[in-house]
Protein backbone atom coordinates (compact mmCIF):
# COMPACT_ATOMS: atom_id res chain seq x y z
CA ARG A 1 21.15 -9.13 -15.60
CA SER A 2 20.27 -11.74 -18.19
CA PRO A 3 18.65 -10.72 -21.47
CA ARG A 4 14.97 -11.36 -22.04
CA LEU A 5 14.74 -13.72 -24.99
CA SER A 6 11.74 -15.27 -26.69
CA GLU A 7 13.07 -18.52 -28.03
CA SER A 8 9.69 -19.98 -29.02
CA SER A 9 6.38 -18.43 -29.94
CA GLY A 10 3.44 -18.77 -27.59
CA THR A 11 0.88 -16.74 -25.74
CA ASN A 12 1.19 -14.26 -22.93
CA ALA A 13 -1.41 -16.12 -20.84
CA LYS A 14 0.02 -16.33 -17.35
CA LEU A 15 -3.03 -16.21 -15.08
CA SER A 16 -3.61 -19.37 -13.08
CA GLU A 17 -6.85 -19.93 -11.13
CA TYR A 18 -5.04 -19.02 -7.91
CA HIS A 19 -3.78 -15.74 -9.37
CA ALA A 20 -7.25 -14.99 -10.73
CA ALA A 21 -8.72 -15.51 -7.23
CA VAL A 22 -6.12 -13.17 -5.72
CA ALA A 23 -6.91 -10.58 -8.40
CA LEU A 24 -10.64 -10.81 -7.69
CA ALA A 25 -10.01 -10.43 -3.95
CA SER A 26 -7.88 -7.35 -4.58
CA LEU A 27 -10.64 -5.55 -6.48
CA ASP A 28 -12.08 -4.32 -3.18
CA SER A 29 -8.89 -2.38 -2.51
CA TRP A 30 -8.54 -1.08 -6.10
CA PRO A 31 -9.74 2.47 -5.31
CA ALA A 32 -6.99 2.90 -2.70
CA THR A 33 -4.39 1.21 -4.94
CA ARG A 34 -5.39 3.47 -7.84
CA LEU A 35 -4.98 6.57 -5.66
CA ARG A 36 -1.55 5.33 -4.62
CA HIS A 37 -0.50 4.87 -8.26
CA LEU A 38 -1.80 8.37 -9.02
CA GLN A 39 0.30 9.77 -6.14
CA ILE A 40 3.43 8.01 -7.39
CA SER A 41 2.69 9.25 -10.92
CA GLU A 42 2.42 12.81 -9.65
CA TRP A 43 5.75 12.51 -7.83
CA TYR A 44 7.36 11.19 -11.02
CA ARG A 45 5.74 13.96 -13.10
CA GLN A 46 7.22 16.58 -10.78
CA ALA A 47 10.67 14.98 -10.61
CA ILE A 48 10.98 14.05 -14.32
CA GLY A 49 9.64 17.46 -15.32
CA ARG A 50 12.84 18.98 -13.92
CA LEU A 51 15.08 16.81 -16.12
CA PRO A 52 16.03 17.98 -19.61
CA GLY A 53 15.84 15.52 -22.49
CA ILE A 54 13.57 13.09 -20.62
CA SER A 55 9.80 12.89 -20.93
CA LEU A 56 6.90 10.79 -19.74
CA GLN A 57 4.08 9.39 -21.86
CA PRO A 58 1.57 12.06 -22.91
CA GLY A 59 -1.09 12.40 -20.22
CA TYR A 60 0.82 10.24 -17.72
CA GLY A 61 -1.03 10.49 -14.41
CA GLU A 62 -3.64 12.88 -15.81
CA GLY A 63 -6.94 11.02 -16.03
CA TRP A 64 -5.45 7.56 -16.42
CA VAL A 65 -3.26 5.53 -14.13
CA THR A 66 -0.82 2.70 -14.64
CA GLY A 67 1.42 0.54 -12.51
CA ALA A 68 4.40 1.35 -14.72
CA THR A 69 6.50 4.44 -15.30
CA ASN A 70 8.22 4.65 -18.66
CA VAL A 71 10.39 7.52 -19.77
CA VAL A 72 11.33 8.48 -23.29
CA LEU A 73 14.91 9.66 -23.60
CA ASP A 74 16.09 12.21 -26.12
CA SER A 75 18.46 9.81 -27.87
CA GLY A 76 19.08 6.08 -28.25
CA SER A 77 20.68 6.06 -24.82
CA ALA A 78 18.35 3.83 -22.79
CA GLU A 79 20.75 0.91 -22.56
CA ASN A 80 23.67 3.04 -21.36
CA ILE A 81 21.48 4.92 -18.90
CA ALA A 82 20.05 1.63 -17.59
CA ARG A 83 23.58 0.35 -17.03
CA ALA A 84 24.60 3.54 -15.19
CA MET A 85 21.51 3.41 -12.99
CA LEU A 86 22.14 -0.25 -12.17
CA HIS A 87 25.64 0.79 -11.11
CA ASP A 88 23.89 3.15 -8.66
CA GLY A 89 21.72 0.27 -7.41
CA ILE A 90 18.54 1.11 -9.35
CA GLU A 91 17.10 -1.55 -11.64
CA THR A 92 15.30 -0.43 -14.77
CA ARG A 93 13.95 -2.24 -17.79
CA MET A 94 14.50 -1.77 -21.48
CA TRP A 95 10.77 -1.67 -22.04
CA TRP A 96 10.61 -3.42 -25.40
CA SER A 97 14.09 -4.93 -25.38
CA GLN A 98 15.07 -4.28 -28.99
CA GLY A 99 11.70 -5.14 -30.45
CA CYS A 100 9.95 -8.42 -31.07
CA HIS A 101 11.49 -8.76 -34.52
CA VAL A 102 14.97 -9.40 -33.09
CA GLN A 103 13.84 -12.21 -30.79
CA PRO A 104 14.95 -15.71 -31.87
CA ALA A 105 11.33 -16.94 -31.94
CA PHE A 106 10.42 -14.39 -34.60
CA ALA A 107 13.67 -14.05 -36.56
CA ASP A 108 12.26 -16.00 -39.52
CA CYS A 109 9.01 -14.02 -39.73
CA GLY A 110 8.66 -11.75 -42.72
CA ARG A 111 8.68 -8.03 -42.01
CA GLY A 112 9.47 -4.70 -43.46
CA GLU A 113 11.71 -2.05 -41.99
CA LEU A 114 10.74 -1.02 -38.44
CA PRO A 115 12.45 2.33 -37.84
CA VAL A 116 9.90 3.59 -35.29
CA THR A 117 10.06 0.36 -33.29
CA GLU A 118 13.85 0.42 -33.30
CA ASN A 119 13.93 4.10 -32.36
CA LEU A 120 11.55 3.67 -29.43
CA ALA A 121 13.19 0.46 -28.26
CA ALA A 122 16.46 2.36 -27.90
CA ARG A 123 14.83 5.32 -26.12
CA VAL A 124 12.16 3.95 -23.73
CA LEU A 125 13.17 2.91 -20.24
CA GLY A 126 10.92 1.47 -17.53
CA LEU A 127 11.55 2.86 -14.05
CA PRO A 128 10.71 1.31 -10.69
CA HIS A 129 7.05 1.79 -9.76
CA PHE A 130 5.14 -0.15 -7.11
CA PRO A 131 2.25 0.75 -4.78
CA GLU A 132 4.39 0.91 -1.63
CA MET A 133 6.99 3.18 -3.24
CA PRO A 134 7.75 6.21 -1.04
CA LYS A 135 8.35 9.68 -2.41
CA ASP A 136 12.02 9.56 -1.38
CA ASP A 137 12.54 6.54 -3.65
CA VAL A 138 10.89 8.32 -6.59
CA GLU A 139 13.20 11.28 -5.98
CA ALA A 140 16.22 8.95 -5.79
CA VAL A 141 15.28 7.25 -9.07
CA ALA A 142 14.81 10.60 -10.78
CA ALA A 143 18.12 11.90 -9.42
CA ALA A 144 19.96 8.80 -10.65
CA LEU A 145 18.24 9.12 -14.04
CA GLY A 146 19.27 12.76 -14.33
CA LYS A 147 22.83 11.95 -13.28
CA ALA A 148 23.09 9.08 -15.79
CA ARG A 149 21.76 11.22 -18.63
CA LYS A 150 24.09 14.09 -17.76
CA GLU A 151 27.11 11.74 -17.69
CA ARG A 152 26.11 10.23 -21.04
CA THR A 153 25.63 13.69 -22.58
CA ARG A 154 29.01 14.82 -21.25
CA ARG A 155 30.74 11.75 -22.74
CA ALA A 156 29.05 12.33 -26.11
CA CYS A 157 30.48 15.85 -26.38
């Protein structure tokens, strides 16, 4: 997996006219898509709730819905856990990489210390989440996450 690098500054504007038309056409199915995301969120809430040292965002799946599932790990272990899960065939994403301030495009920008950013960047991991995701896949992701965390904790002792 190649690293995500910002080598030049720019905008995050990625929506072409075609993509905008597809988005508008999909609005009719949004209620069903939203319910599907809520179902996946509930499955993740149940599965992650059984894992020590791993939490979801506050209120995840309770009143608001998202197309992403991020977990917060109890230590700066996201990169090692991501690597272990990839070994098991499950792709994840270091949600903020290491923070914008370490990207080449922003290396020369003035800044103060960013301990919260650095702490979260090392602890937040994005898990697979897509509307067609079956419950068995959510359970498999959670099991691999629990296994990876347990192995990392065992090695740290």
